[in-house]
Amino acid sequence: MATPNYNHQPIVKPTPQVRPKRQPKKSVKRIPLARPKWNFLDLTMLAATILVAIVGVFMVINVSNQGAKANSHLTQVTAQLNQTKNDNNDLRQEIGTVTSNDKLSEVAKKENLTMNNDNVRNVK
């Protein structure tokens, strides 16, 4: 059995290329383009787009103003809350000073009151 020779390259004769015949140049006639005319649908779509853009701008401005108002109101309420907390702390401090034993004894001396130990009860 003979082994095939894979290295052998068969000789292929080149085929002559046939060039296509040139056709004569055709002259191209240029037609000037006119502006397209706007029809009713085009104008309606343009008007709708402009209207949507204007409404969107007003909505953004409105939302921005509402945010600023809410922020201002929040600042005002926070200030009132802080003022109320400060007032409460002042009142608690005043209650503490008024109910101290020294202050109660001072008020009792002004009113000529005496301490009766029989009437005092200790609560646990």
PDB file of N, CA and C in Angstrom:
ATOM      1  N   MET A   1       0.837  -1.153   0.000  1.00  0.00           N
ATOM      2  CA  MET A   1       0.000   0.000   0.000  1.00  0.00           C
ATOM      3  C   MET A   1       0.891   1.227   0.000  1.00  0.00           C
ATOM      4  N   ALA A   2       0.586   2.137  -0.858  1.00  0.00           N
ATOM      5  CA  ALA A   2       1.416   3.320  -1.018  1.00  0.00           C
ATOM      6  C   ALA A   2       0.899   4.418  -0.098  1.00  0.00           C
ATOM      7  N   THR A   3       1.814   5.164   0.470  1.00  0.00           N
ATOM      8  CA  THR A   3       1.412   6.270   1.349  1.00  0.00           C
ATOM      9  C   THR A   3       1.195   7.510   0.504  1.00  0.00           C
ATOM     10  N   PRO A   4       0.166   8.220   0.784  1.00  0.00           N
ATOM     11  CA  PRO A   4      -0.096   9.421  -0.001  1.00  0.00           C
ATOM     12  C   PRO A   4       0.916  10.505   0.321  1.00  0.00           C
ATOM     13  N   ASN A   5       1.262  11.291  -0.666  1.00  0.00           N
ATOM     14  CA  ASN A   5       2.212  12.378  -0.499  1.00  0.00           C
ATOM     15  C   ASN A   5       1.406  13.674  -0.300  1.00  0.00           C
ATOM     16  N   TYR A   6       1.365  14.104   0.966  1.00  0.00           N
ATOM     17  CA  TYR A   6       0.584  15.303   1.285  1.00  0.00           C
ATOM     18  C   TYR A   6       1.350  16.584   0.986  1.00  0.00           C
ATOM     19  N   ASN A   7       2.646  16.492   0.784  1.00  0.00           N
ATOM     20  CA  ASN A   7       3.450  17.674   0.516  1.00  0.00           C
ATOM     21  C   ASN A   7       3.408  18.074  -0.957  1.00  0.00           C
ATOM     22  N   HIS A   8       2.900  17.232  -1.799  1.00  0.00           N
ATOM     23  CA  HIS A   8       2.849  17.511  -3.227  1.00  0.00           C
ATOM     24  C   HIS A   8       1.782  18.540  -3.521  1.00  0.00           C
ATOM     25  N   GLN A   9       2.167  19.617  -4.203  1.00  0.00           N
ATOM     26  CA  GLN A   9       1.248  20.675  -4.568  1.00  0.00           C
ATOM     27  C   GLN A   9       0.949  20.567  -6.045  1.00  0.00           C
ATOM     28  N   PRO A  10      -0.277  20.370  -6.427  1.00  0.00           N
ATOM     29  CA  PRO A  10      -0.571  20.315  -7.849  1.00  0.00           C
ATOM     30  C   PRO A  10      -0.435  21.709  -8.456  1.00  0.00           C
ATOM     31  N   ILE A  11      -0.012  21.771  -9.630  1.00  0.00           N
ATOM     32  CA  ILE A  11       0.171  23.042 -10.315  1.00  0.00           C
ATOM     33  C   ILE A  11      -1.150  23.445 -10.934  1.00  0.00           C
ATOM     34  N   VAL A  12      -1.585  24.628 -10.543  1.00  0.00           N
ATOM     35  CA  VAL A  12      -2.844  25.150 -11.052  1.00  0.00           C
ATOM     36  C   VAL A  12      -2.502  26.320 -11.950  1.00  0.00           C
ATOM     37  N   LYS A  13      -2.990  26.250 -13.148  1.00  0.00           N
ATOM     38  CA  LYS A  13      -2.722  27.327 -14.082  1.00  0.00           C
ATOM     39  C   LYS A  13      -3.651  28.487 -13.790  1.00  0.00           C
ATOM     40  N   PRO A  14      -3.088  29.692 -13.681  1.00  0.00           N
ATOM     41  CA  PRO A  14      -3.950  30.839 -13.404  1.00  0.00           C
ATOM     42  C   PRO A  14      -4.851  31.124 -14.590  1.00  0.00           C
ATOM     43  N   THR A  15      -6.084  31.446 -14.238  1.00  0.00           N
ATOM     44  CA  THR A  15      -7.020  31.791 -15.310  1.00  0.00           C
ATOM     45  C   THR A  15      -6.951  33.285 -15.542  1.00  0.00           C
ATOM     46  N   PRO A  16      -6.970  33.712 -16.756  1.00  0.00           N
ATOM     47  CA  PRO A  16      -6.868  35.149 -17.027  1.00  0.00           C
ATOM     48  C   PRO A  16      -8.109  35.873 -16.515  1.00  0.00           C
ATOM     49  N   GLN A  17      -7.885  37.013 -15.858  1.00  0.00           N
ATOM     50  CA  GLN A  17      -8.983  37.833 -15.323  1.00  0.00           C
ATOM     51  C   GLN A  17      -9.596  38.641 -16.463  1.00  0.00           C
ATOM     52  N   VAL A  18     -10.887  38.610 -16.518  1.00  0.00           N
ATOM     53  CA  VAL A  18     -11.582  39.367 -17.541  1.00  0.00           C
ATOM     54  C   VAL A  18     -12.056  40.651 -16.883  1.00  0.00           C
ATOM     55  N   ARG A  19     -11.585  41.763 -17.407  1.00  0.00           N
ATOM     56  CA  ARG A  19     -11.981  43.048 -16.853  1.00  0.00           C
ATOM     57  C   ARG A  19     -13.314  43.462 -17.461  1.00  0.00           C
ATOM     58  N   PRO A  20     -14.197  43.943 -16.567  1.00  0.00           N
ATOM     59  CA  PRO A  20     -15.489  44.379 -17.114  1.00  0.00           C
ATOM     60  C   PRO A  20     -15.296  45.648 -17.927  1.00  0.00           C
ATOM     61  N   LYS A  21     -16.134  45.780 -18.911  1.00  0.00           N
ATOM     62  CA  LYS A  21     -16.063  46.968 -19.745  1.00  0.00           C
ATOM     63  C   LYS A  21     -16.577  48.171 -18.961  1.00  0.00           C
ATOM     64  N   ARG A  22     -15.895  49.265 -19.147  1.00  0.00           N
ATOM     65  CA  ARG A  22     -16.323  50.481 -18.468  1.00  0.00           C
ATOM     66  C   ARG A  22     -17.514  51.062 -19.203  1.00  0.00           C
ATOM     67  N   GLN A  23     -18.456  51.429 -18.379  1.00  0.00           N
ATOM     68  CA  GLN A  23     -19.637  52.042 -18.978  1.00  0.00           C
ATOM     69  C   GLN A  23     -19.443  53.549 -18.964  1.00  0.00           C
ATOM     70  N   PRO A  24     -19.983  54.203 -19.877  1.00  0.00           N
ATOM     71  CA  PRO A  24     -19.811  55.658 -19.910  1.00  0.00           C
ATOM     72  C   PRO A  24     -20.452  56.297 -18.678  1.00  0.00           C
ATOM     73  N   LYS A  25     -19.846  57.364 -18.194  1.00  0.00           N
ATOM     74  CA  LYS A  25     -20.358  58.051 -17.012  1.00  0.00           C
ATOM     75  C   LYS A  25     -21.712  58.663 -17.326  1.00  0.00           C
ATOM     76  N   LYS A  26     -22.580  58.478 -16.353  1.00  0.00           N
ATOM     77  CA  LYS A  26     -23.896  59.084 -16.488  1.00  0.00           C
ATOM     78  C   LYS A  26     -23.868  60.405 -15.744  1.00  0.00           C
ATOM     79  N   SER A  27     -24.438  61.377 -16.299  1.00  0.00           N
ATOM     80  CA  SER A  27     -24.475  62.662 -15.614  1.00  0.00           C
ATOM     81  C   SER A  27     -25.637  62.636 -14.612  1.00  0.00           C
ATOM     82  N   VAL A  28     -25.329  63.081 -13.401  1.00  0.00           N
ATOM     83  CA  VAL A  28     -26.330  63.099 -12.339  1.00  0.00           C
ATOM     84  C   VAL A  28     -26.907  64.492 -12.273  1.00  0.00           C
ATOM     85  N   LYS A  29     -28.174  64.561 -12.363  1.00  0.00           N
ATOM     86  CA  LYS A  29     -28.841  65.845 -12.312  1.00  0.00           C
ATOM     87  C   LYS A  29     -29.232  66.120 -10.860  1.00  0.00           C
ATOM     88  N   ARG A  30     -28.708  67.184 -10.305  1.00  0.00           N
ATOM     89  CA  ARG A  30     -28.991  67.517  -8.908  1.00  0.00           C
ATOM     90  C   ARG A  30     -30.224  68.412  -8.852  1.00  0.00           C
ATOM     91  N   ILE A  31     -31.114  68.006  -8.004  1.00  0.00           N
ATOM     92  CA  ILE A  31     -32.341  68.774  -7.827  1.00  0.00           C
ATOM     93  C   ILE A  31     -32.229  69.496  -6.483  1.00  0.00           C
ATOM     94  N   PRO A  32     -32.378  70.768  -6.453  1.00  0.00           N
ATOM     95  CA  PRO A  32     -32.307  71.477  -5.158  1.00  0.00           C
ATOM     96  C   PRO A  32     -33.466  71.048  -4.262  1.00  0.00           C
ATOM     97  N   LEU A  33     -33.117  70.797  -2.994  1.00  0.00           N
ATOM     98  CA  LEU A  33     -34.139  70.343  -2.047  1.00  0.00           C
ATOM     99  C   LEU A  33     -34.863  71.537  -1.449  1.00  0.00           C
ATOM    100  N   ALA A  34     -36.145  71.400  -1.370  1.00  0.00           N
ATOM    101  CA  ALA A  34     -36.958  72.463  -0.789  1.00  0.00           C
ATOM    102  C   ALA A  34     -37.237  72.125   0.678  1.00  0.00           C
ATOM    103  N   ARG A  35     -37.494  73.150   1.473  1.00  0.00           N
ATOM    104  CA  ARG A  35     -37.828  72.898   2.865  1.00  0.00           C
ATOM    105  C   ARG A  35     -39.142  72.147   2.924  1.00  0.00           C
ATOM    106  N   PRO A  36     -39.191  71.144   3.792  1.00  0.00           N
ATOM    107  CA  PRO A  36     -40.465  70.421   3.893  1.00  0.00           C
ATOM    108  C   PRO A  36     -41.520  71.303   4.555  1.00  0.00           C
ATOM    109  N   LYS A  37     -42.716  71.147   4.141  1.00  0.00           N
ATOM    110  CA  LYS A  37     -43.808  71.936   4.693  1.00  0.00           C
ATOM    111  C   LYS A  37     -44.319  71.239   5.955  1.00  0.00           C
ATOM    112  N   TRP A  38     -44.682  72.047   6.927  1.00  0.00           N
ATOM    113  CA  TRP A  38     -45.202  71.506   8.180  1.00  0.00           C
ATOM    114  C   TRP A  38     -46.689  71.248   7.991  1.00  0.00           C
ATOM    115  N   ASN A  39     -47.101  70.060   8.361  1.00  0.00           N
ATOM    116  CA  ASN A  39     -48.527  69.766   8.281  1.00  0.00           C
ATOM    117  C   ASN A  39     -49.129  69.888   9.693  1.00  0.00           C
ATOM    118  N   PHE A  40     -50.391  69.649   9.809  1.00  0.00           N
ATOM    119  CA  PHE A  40     -51.109  69.829  11.072  1.00  0.00           C
ATOM    120  C   PHE A  40     -50.559  68.899  12.156  1.00  0.00           C
ATOM    121  N   LEU A  41     -50.257  67.664  11.804  1.00  0.00           N
ATOM    122  CA  LEU A  41     -49.754  66.707  12.795  1.00  0.00           C
ATOM    123  C   LEU A  41     -48.388  67.150  13.323  1.00  0.00           C
ATOM    124  N   ASP A  42     -47.526  67.654  12.452  1.00  0.00           N
ATOM    125  CA  ASP A  42     -46.213  68.128  12.891  1.00  0.00           C
ATOM    126  C   ASP A  42     -46.358  69.299  13.868  1.00  0.00           C
ATOM    127  N   LEU A  43     -47.226  70.240  13.530  1.00  0.00           N
ATOM    128  CA  LEU A  43     -47.435  71.395  14.402  1.00  0.00           C
ATOM    129  C   LEU A  43     -48.055  70.987  15.735  1.00  0.00           C
ATOM    130  N   THR A  44     -48.966  70.030  15.685  1.00  0.00           N
ATOM    131  CA  THR A  44     -49.591  69.545  16.920  1.00  0.00           C
ATOM    132  C   THR A  44     -48.563  68.872  17.815  1.00  0.00           C
ATOM    133  N   MET A  45     -47.699  68.057  17.243  1.00  0.00           N
ATOM    134  CA  MET A  45     -46.667  67.380  18.033  1.00  0.00           C
ATOM    135  C   MET A  45     -45.680  68.393  18.613  1.00  0.00           C
ATOM    136  N   LEU A  46     -45.324  69.402  17.845  1.00  0.00           N
ATOM    137  CA  LEU A  46     -44.424  70.444  18.337  1.00  0.00           C
ATOM    138  C   LEU A  46     -45.065  71.197  19.498  1.00  0.00           C
ATOM    139  N   ALA A  47     -46.327  71.568  19.337  1.00  0.00           N
ATOM    140  CA  ALA A  47     -47.036  72.292  20.396  1.00  0.00           C
ATOM    141  C   ALA A  47     -47.150  71.428  21.655  1.00  0.00           C
ATOM    142  N   ALA A  48     -47.443  70.143  21.490  1.00  0.00           N
ATOM    143  CA  ALA A  48     -47.561  69.241  22.641  1.00  0.00           C
ATOM    144  C   ALA A  48     -46.221  69.102  23.354  1.00  0.00           C
ATOM    145  N   THR A  49     -45.143  69.007  22.608  1.00  0.00           N
ATOM    146  CA  THR A  49     -43.809  68.883  23.210  1.00  0.00           C
ATOM    147  C   THR A  49     -43.449  70.137  23.997  1.00  0.00           C
ATOM    148  N   ILE A  50     -43.716  71.293  23.422  1.00  0.00           N
ATOM    149  CA  ILE A  50     -43.425  72.548  24.127  1.00  0.00           C
ATOM    150  C   ILE A  50     -44.287  72.668  25.375  1.00  0.00           C
ATOM    151  N   LEU A  51     -45.554  72.291  25.278  1.00  0.00           N
ATOM    152  CA  LEU A  51     -46.457  72.355  26.430  1.00  0.00           C
ATOM    153  C   LEU A  51     -45.983  71.429  27.547  1.00  0.00           C
ATOM    154  N   VAL A  52     -45.583  70.216  27.197  1.00  0.00           N
ATOM    155  CA  VAL A  52     -45.087  69.267  28.207  1.00  0.00           C
ATOM    156  C   VAL A  52     -43.815  69.814  28.865  1.00  0.00           C
ATOM    157  N   ALA A  53     -42.944  70.425  28.090  1.00  0.00           N
ATOM    158  CA  ALA A  53     -41.711  70.992  28.657  1.00  0.00           C
ATOM    159  C   ALA A  53     -42.032  72.128  29.622  1.00  0.00           C
ATOM    160  N   ILE A  54     -42.967  72.987  29.261  1.00  0.00           N
ATOM    161  CA  ILE A  54     -43.329  74.117  30.128  1.00  0.00           C
ATOM    162  C   ILE A  54     -43.988  73.609  31.407  1.00  0.00           C
ATOM    163  N   VAL A  55     -44.888  72.649  31.285  1.00  0.00           N
ATOM    164  CA  VAL A  55     -45.536  72.077  32.476  1.00  0.00           C
ATOM    165  C   VAL A  55     -44.484  71.420  33.371  1.00  0.00           C
ATOM    166  N   GLY A  56     -43.525  70.727  32.772  1.00  0.00           N
ATOM    167  CA  GLY A  56     -42.460  70.101  33.561  1.00  0.00           C
ATOM    168  C   GLY A  56     -41.631  71.129  34.313  1.00  0.00           C
ATOM    169  N   VAL A  57     -41.328  72.233  33.671  1.00  0.00           N
ATOM    170  CA  VAL A  57     -40.553  73.295  34.338  1.00  0.00           C
ATOM    171  C   VAL A  57     -41.336  73.849  35.523  1.00  0.00           C
ATOM    172  N   PHE A  58     -42.636  74.118  35.323  1.00  0.00           N
ATOM    173  CA  PHE A  58     -43.442  74.635  36.429  1.00  0.00           C
ATOM    174  C   PHE A  58     -43.564  73.621  37.557  1.00  0.00           C
ATOM    175  N   MET A  59     -43.658  72.349  37.227  1.00  0.00           N
ATOM    176  CA  MET A  59     -43.739  71.324  38.271  1.00  0.00           C
ATOM    177  C   MET A  59     -42.451  71.270  39.078  1.00  0.00           C
ATOM    178  N   VAL A  60     -41.316  71.355  38.412  1.00  0.00           N
ATOM    179  CA  VAL A  60     -40.034  71.329  39.120  1.00  0.00           C
ATOM    180  C   VAL A  60     -39.914  72.544  40.040  1.00  0.00           C
ATOM    181  N   ILE A  61     -40.317  73.709  39.546  1.00  0.00           N
ATOM    182  CA  ILE A  61     -40.269  74.921  40.372  1.00  0.00           C
ATOM    183  C   ILE A  61     -41.204  74.791  41.572  1.00  0.00           C
ATOM    184  N   ASN A  62     -42.393  74.246  41.355  1.00  0.00           N
ATOM    185  CA  ASN A  62     -43.357  74.078  42.433  1.00  0.00           C
ATOM    186  C   ASN A  62     -42.825  73.116  43.498  1.00  0.00           C
ATOM    187  N   VAL A  63     -42.266  72.007  43.071  1.00  0.00           N
ATOM    188  CA  VAL A  63     -41.723  71.035  44.025  1.00  0.00           C
ATOM    189  C   VAL A  63     -40.563  71.650  44.802  1.00  0.00           C
ATOM    190  N   SER A  64     -39.754  72.425  44.131  1.00  0.00           N
ATOM    191  CA  SER A  64     -38.639  73.090  44.805  1.00  0.00           C
ATOM    192  C   SER A  64     -39.151  74.076  45.857  1.00  0.00           C
ATOM    193  N   ASN A  65     -40.174  74.846  45.515  1.00  0.00           N
ATOM    194  CA  ASN A  65     -40.751  75.782  46.485  1.00  0.00           C
ATOM    195  C   ASN A  65     -41.374  75.062  47.662  1.00  0.00           C
ATOM    196  N   GLN A  66     -42.058  73.956  47.416  1.00  0.00           N
ATOM    197  CA  GLN A  66     -42.644  73.196  48.511  1.00  0.00           C
ATOM    198  C   GLN A  66     -41.561  72.640  49.430  1.00  0.00           C
ATOM    199  N   GLY A  67     -40.466  72.202  48.844  1.00  0.00           N
ATOM    200  CA  GLY A  67     -39.356  71.714  49.663  1.00  0.00           C
ATOM    201  C   GLY A  67     -38.769  72.817  50.523  1.00  0.00           C
ATOM    202  N   ALA A  68     -38.625  74.013  49.950  1.00  0.00           N
ATOM    203  CA  ALA A  68     -38.094  75.140  50.718  1.00  0.00           C
ATOM    204  C   ALA A  68     -39.053  75.530  51.843  1.00  0.00           C
ATOM    205  N   LYS A  69     -40.361  75.528  51.557  1.00  0.00           N
ATOM    206  CA  LYS A  69     -41.347  75.844  52.594  1.00  0.00           C
ATOM    207  C   LYS A  69     -41.315  74.804  53.709  1.00  0.00           C
ATOM    208  N   ALA A  70     -41.226  73.534  53.339  1.00  0.00           N
ATOM    209  CA  ALA A  70     -41.176  72.471  54.346  1.00  0.00           C
ATOM    210  C   ALA A  70     -39.921  72.602  55.194  1.00  0.00           C
ATOM    211  N   ASN A  71     -38.811  72.939  54.565  1.00  0.00           N
ATOM    212  CA  ASN A  71     -37.561  73.106  55.306  1.00  0.00           C
ATOM    213  C   ASN A  71     -37.666  74.282  56.272  1.00  0.00           C
ATOM    214  N   SER A  72     -38.266  75.389  55.822  1.00  0.00           N
ATOM    215  CA  SER A  72     -38.453  76.554  56.676  1.00  0.00           C
ATOM    216  C   SER A  72     -39.370  76.219  57.858  1.00  0.00           C
ATOM    217  N   HIS A  73     -40.449  75.508  57.576  1.00  0.00           N
ATOM    218  CA  HIS A  73     -41.387  75.111  58.639  1.00  0.00           C
ATOM    219  C   HIS A  73     -40.703  74.181  59.625  1.00  0.00           C
ATOM    220  N   LEU A  74     -39.902  73.271  59.144  1.00  0.00           N
ATOM    221  CA  LEU A  74     -39.173  72.353  60.019  1.00  0.00           C
ATOM    222  C   LEU A  74     -38.211  73.125  60.921  1.00  0.00           C
ATOM    223  N   THR A  75     -37.533  74.105  60.369  1.00  0.00           N
ATOM    224  CA  THR A  75     -36.613  74.923  61.167  1.00  0.00           C
ATOM    225  C   THR A  75     -37.371  75.679  62.248  1.00  0.00           C
ATOM    226  N   GLN A  76     -38.545  76.219  61.891  1.00  0.00           N
ATOM    227  CA  GLN A  76     -39.359  76.963  62.847  1.00  0.00           C
ATOM    228  C   GLN A  76     -39.855  76.050  63.966  1.00  0.00           C
ATOM    229  N   VAL A  77     -40.343  74.870  63.615  1.00  0.00           N
ATOM    230  CA  VAL A  77     -40.839  73.931  64.625  1.00  0.00           C
ATOM    231  C   VAL A  77     -39.697  73.449  65.517  1.00  0.00           C
ATOM    232  N   THR A  78     -38.530  73.231  64.947  1.00  0.00           N
ATOM    233  CA  THR A  78     -37.371  72.809  65.735  1.00  0.00           C
ATOM    234  C   THR A  78     -36.979  73.894  66.724  1.00  0.00           C
ATOM    235  N   ALA A  79     -37.031  75.151  66.304  1.00  0.00           N
ATOM    236  CA  ALA A  79     -36.712  76.264  67.205  1.00  0.00           C
ATOM    237  C   ALA A  79     -37.724  76.340  68.345  1.00  0.00           C
ATOM    238  N   GLN A  80     -39.016  76.167  68.020  1.00  0.00           N
ATOM    239  CA  GLN A  80     -40.043  76.173  69.062  1.00  0.00           C
ATOM    240  C   GLN A  80     -39.841  75.020  70.036  1.00  0.00           C
ATOM    241  N   LEU A  81     -39.490  73.854  69.518  1.00  0.00           N
ATOM    242  CA  LEU A  81     -39.260  72.694  70.369  1.00  0.00           C
ATOM    243  C   LEU A  81     -38.081  72.935  71.309  1.00  0.00           C
ATOM    244  N   ASN A  82     -37.002  73.485  70.773  1.00  0.00           N
ATOM    245  CA  ASN A  82     -35.845  73.782  71.614  1.00  0.00           C
ATOM    246  C   ASN A  82     -36.188  74.822  72.677  1.00  0.00           C
ATOM    247  N   GLN A  83     -36.980  75.841  72.325  1.00  0.00           N
ATOM    248  CA  GLN A  83     -37.395  76.861  73.286  1.00  0.00           C
ATOM    249  C   GLN A  83     -38.249  76.232  74.387  1.00  0.00           C
ATOM    250  N   THR A  84     -39.160  75.350  74.014  1.00  0.00           N
ATOM    251  CA  THR A  84     -40.006  74.684  74.998  1.00  0.00           C
ATOM    252  C   THR A  84     -39.175  73.798  75.927  1.00  0.00           C
ATOM    253  N   LYS A  85     -38.199  73.085  75.378  1.00  0.00           N
ATOM    254  CA  LYS A  85     -37.323  72.257  76.214  1.00  0.00           C
ATOM    255  C   LYS A  85     -36.534  73.120  77.198  1.00  0.00           C
ATOM    256  N   ASN A  86     -36.039  74.262  76.716  1.00  0.00           N
ATOM    257  CA  ASN A  86     -35.297  75.158  77.607  1.00  0.00           C
ATOM    258  C   ASN A  86     -36.201  75.707  78.715  1.00  0.00           C
ATOM    259  N   ASP A  87     -37.439  76.074  78.350  1.00  0.00           N
ATOM    260  CA  ASP A  87     -38.383  76.566  79.360  1.00  0.00           C
ATOM    261  C   ASP A  87     -38.684  75.479  80.384  1.00  0.00           C
ATOM    262  N   ASN A  88     -38.883  74.243  79.925  1.00  0.00           N
ATOM    263  CA  ASN A  88     -39.156  73.134  80.847  1.00  0.00           C
ATOM    264  C   ASN A  88     -37.980  72.903  81.789  1.00  0.00           C
ATOM    265  N   ASN A  89     -36.776  72.957  81.252  1.00  0.00           N
ATOM    266  CA  ASN A  89     -35.601  72.769  82.111  1.00  0.00           C
ATOM    267  C   ASN A  89     -35.484  73.894  83.143  1.00  0.00           C
ATOM    268  N   ASP A  90     -35.788  75.125  82.735  1.00  0.00           N
ATOM    269  CA  ASP A  90     -35.757  76.240  83.678  1.00  0.00           C
ATOM    270  C   ASP A  90     -36.794  76.049  84.785  1.00  0.00           C
ATOM    271  N   LEU A  91     -38.000  75.599  84.387  1.00  0.00           N
ATOM    272  CA  LEU A  91     -39.058  75.374  85.384  1.00  0.00           C
ATOM    273  C   LEU A  91     -38.706  74.231  86.328  1.00  0.00           C
ATOM    274  N   ARG A  92     -38.096  73.176  85.815  1.00  0.00           N
ATOM    275  CA  ARG A  92     -37.677  72.060  86.678  1.00  0.00           C
ATOM    276  C   ARG A  92     -36.625  72.531  87.685  1.00  0.00           C
ATOM    277  N   GLN A  93     -35.713  73.360  87.200  1.00  0.00           N
ATOM    278  CA  GLN A  93     -34.680  73.877  88.093  1.00  0.00           C
ATOM    279  C   GLN A  93     -35.317  74.772  89.172  1.00  0.00           C
ATOM    280  N   GLU A  94     -36.292  75.585  88.769  1.00  0.00           N
ATOM    281  CA  GLU A  94     -36.981  76.448  89.727  1.00  0.00           C
ATOM    282  C   GLU A  94     -37.764  75.614  90.738  1.00  0.00           C
ATOM    283  N   ILE A  95     -38.399  74.537  90.261  1.00  0.00           N
ATOM    284  CA  ILE A  95     -39.124  73.641  91.176  1.00  0.00           C
ATOM    285  C   ILE A  95     -38.152  73.030  92.180  1.00  0.00           C
ATOM    286  N   GLY A  96     -36.982  72.636  91.695  1.00  0.00           N
ATOM    287  CA  GLY A  96     -35.985  72.049  92.589  1.00  0.00           C
ATOM    288  C   GLY A  96     -35.519  73.029  93.652  1.00  0.00           C
ATOM    289  N   THR A  97     -35.344  74.293  93.268  1.00  0.00           N
ATOM    290  CA  THR A  97     -34.895  75.276  94.261  1.00  0.00           C
ATOM    291  C   THR A  97     -36.011  75.652  95.230  1.00  0.00           C
ATOM    292  N   VAL A  98     -37.250  75.744  94.745  1.00  0.00           N
ATOM    293  CA  VAL A  98     -38.372  76.130  95.608  1.00  0.00           C
ATOM    294  C   VAL A  98     -38.707  75.015  96.599  1.00  0.00           C
ATOM    295  N   THR A  99     -38.557  73.773  96.201  1.00  0.00           N
ATOM    296  CA  THR A  99     -38.927  72.668  97.092  1.00  0.00           C
ATOM    297  C   THR A  99     -37.768  72.185  97.957  1.00  0.00           C
ATOM    298  N   SER A 100     -36.661  72.862  97.916  1.00  0.00           N
ATOM    299  CA  SER A 100     -35.555  72.441  98.790  1.00  0.00           C
ATOM    300  C   SER A 100     -35.905  72.762 100.245  1.00  0.00           C
ATOM    301  N   ASN A 101     -35.283  72.044 101.173  1.00  0.00           N
ATOM    302  CA  ASN A 101     -35.577  72.228 102.609  1.00  0.00           C
ATOM    303  C   ASN A 101     -35.223  73.630 103.074  1.00  0.00           C
ATOM    304  N   ASP A 102     -34.137  74.184 102.570  1.00  0.00           N
ATOM    305  CA  ASP A 102     -33.739  75.527 102.990  1.00  0.00           C
ATOM    306  C   ASP A 102     -34.792  76.560 102.588  1.00  0.00           C
ATOM    307  N   LYS A 103     -35.274  76.466 101.360  1.00  0.00           N
ATOM    308  CA  LYS A 103     -36.272  77.422 100.872  1.00  0.00           C
ATOM    309  C   LYS A 103     -37.592  77.250 101.623  1.00  0.00           C
ATOM    310  N   LEU A 104     -37.986  75.977 101.886  1.00  0.00           N
ATOM    311  CA  LEU A 104     -39.233  75.736 102.625  1.00  0.00           C
ATOM    312  C   LEU A 104     -39.118  76.281 104.047  1.00  0.00           C
ATOM    313  N   SER A 105     -37.970  76.125 104.693  1.00  0.00           N
ATOM    314  CA  SER A 105     -37.767  76.651 106.056  1.00  0.00           C
ATOM    315  C   SER A 105     -37.806  78.167 106.041  1.00  0.00           C
ATOM    316  N   GLU A 106     -37.253  78.790 105.010  1.00  0.00           N
ATOM    317  CA  GLU A 106     -37.253  80.251 104.891  1.00  0.00           C
ATOM    318  C   GLU A 106     -38.667  80.790 104.744  1.00  0.00           C
ATOM    319  N   VAL A 107     -39.477  80.132 103.904  1.00  0.00           N
ATOM    320  CA  VAL A 107     -40.861  80.561 103.702  1.00  0.00           C
ATOM    321  C   VAL A 107     -41.649  80.344 104.994  1.00  0.00           C
ATOM    322  N   ALA A 108     -41.385  79.233 105.687  1.00  0.00           N
ATOM    323  CA  ALA A 108     -42.095  78.948 106.940  1.00  0.00           C
ATOM    324  C   ALA A 108     -41.764  80.004 107.988  1.00  0.00           C
ATOM    325  N   LYS A 109     -40.531  80.470 108.079  1.00  0.00           N
ATOM    326  CA  LYS A 109     -40.163  81.493 109.065  1.00  0.00           C
ATOM    327  C   LYS A 109     -40.846  82.811 108.744  1.00  0.00           C
ATOM    328  N   LYS A 110     -40.967  83.138 107.405  1.00  0.00           N
ATOM    329  CA  LYS A 110     -41.629  84.389 107.027  1.00  0.00           C
ATOM    330  C   LYS A 110     -43.089  84.385 107.446  1.00  0.00           C
ATOM    331  N   GLU A 111     -43.717  83.240 107.362  1.00  0.00           N
ATOM    332  CA  GLU A 111     -45.152  83.112 107.676  1.00  0.00           C
ATOM    333  C   GLU A 111     -45.383  82.735 109.135  1.00  0.00           C
ATOM    334  N   ASN A 112     -44.313  82.672 109.931  1.00  0.00           N
ATOM    335  CA  ASN A 112     -44.385  82.311 111.353  1.00  0.00           C
ATOM    336  C   ASN A 112     -44.996  80.930 111.547  1.00  0.00           C
ATOM    337  N   LEU A 113     -44.572  79.983 110.732  1.00  0.00           N
ATOM    338  CA  LEU A 113     -45.034  78.600 110.841  1.00  0.00           C
ATOM    339  C   LEU A 113     -43.980  77.809 111.599  1.00  0.00           C
ATOM    340  N   THR A 114     -44.444  76.781 112.310  1.00  0.00           N
ATOM    341  CA  THR A 114     -43.521  75.921 113.054  1.00  0.00           C
ATOM    342  C   THR A 114     -43.699  74.499 112.573  1.00  0.00           C
ATOM    343  N   MET A 115     -42.657  73.708 112.830  1.00  0.00           N
ATOM    344  CA  MET A 115     -42.683  72.314 112.396  1.00  0.00           C
ATOM    345  C   MET A 115     -43.260  71.471 113.534  1.00  0.00           C
ATOM    346  N   ASN A 116     -44.295  70.700 113.181  1.00  0.00           N
ATOM    347  CA  ASN A 116     -44.909  69.796 114.160  1.00  0.00           C
ATOM    348  C   ASN A 116     -44.541  68.386 113.736  1.00  0.00           C
ATOM    349  N   ASN A 117     -43.630  67.748 114.420  1.00  0.00           N
ATOM    350  CA  ASN A 117     -43.142  66.442 114.057  1.00  0.00           C
ATOM    351  C   ASN A 117     -44.202  65.357 114.212  1.00  0.00           C
ATOM    352  N   ASP A 118     -45.247  65.615 114.984  1.00  0.00           N
ATOM    353  CA  ASP A 118     -46.306  64.614 115.164  1.00  0.00           C
ATOM    354  C   ASP A 118     -47.127  64.449 113.869  1.00  0.00           C
ATOM    355  N   ASN A 119     -47.162  65.481 113.073  1.00  0.00           N
ATOM    356  CA  ASN A 119     -47.949  65.431 111.842  1.00  0.00           C
ATOM    357  C   ASN A 119     -47.132  64.938 110.623  1.00  0.00           C
ATOM    358  N   VAL A 120     -45.876  64.644 110.806  1.00  0.00           N
ATOM    359  CA  VAL A 120     -45.013  64.211 109.697  1.00  0.00           C
ATOM    360  C   VAL A 120     -45.064  62.700 109.594  1.00  0.00           C
ATOM    361  N   ARG A 121     -45.234  62.214 108.379  1.00  0.00           N
ATOM    362  CA  ARG A 121     -45.239  60.767 108.138  1.00  0.00           C
ATOM    363  C   ARG A 121     -44.144  60.453 107.125  1.00  0.00           C
ATOM    364  N   ASN A 122     -43.409  59.424 107.362  1.00  0.00           N
ATOM    365  CA  ASN A 122     -42.369  58.958 106.442  1.00  0.00           C
ATOM    366  C   ASN A 122     -42.960  57.883 105.545  1.00  0.00           C
ATOM    367  N   VAL A 123     -42.868  58.064 104.288  1.00  0.00           N
ATOM    368  CA  VAL A 123     -43.413  57.108 103.305  1.00  0.00           C
ATOM    369  C   VAL A 123     -42.264  56.385 102.674  1.00  0.00           C
ATOM    370  N   LYS A 124     -42.362  55.063 102.680  1.00  0.00           N
ATOM    371  CA  LYS A 124     -41.308  54.268 102.049  1.00  0.00           C
ATOM    372  C   LYS A 124     -41.814  53.608 100.783  1.00  0.00           C
TER     373      LYS A 124
END
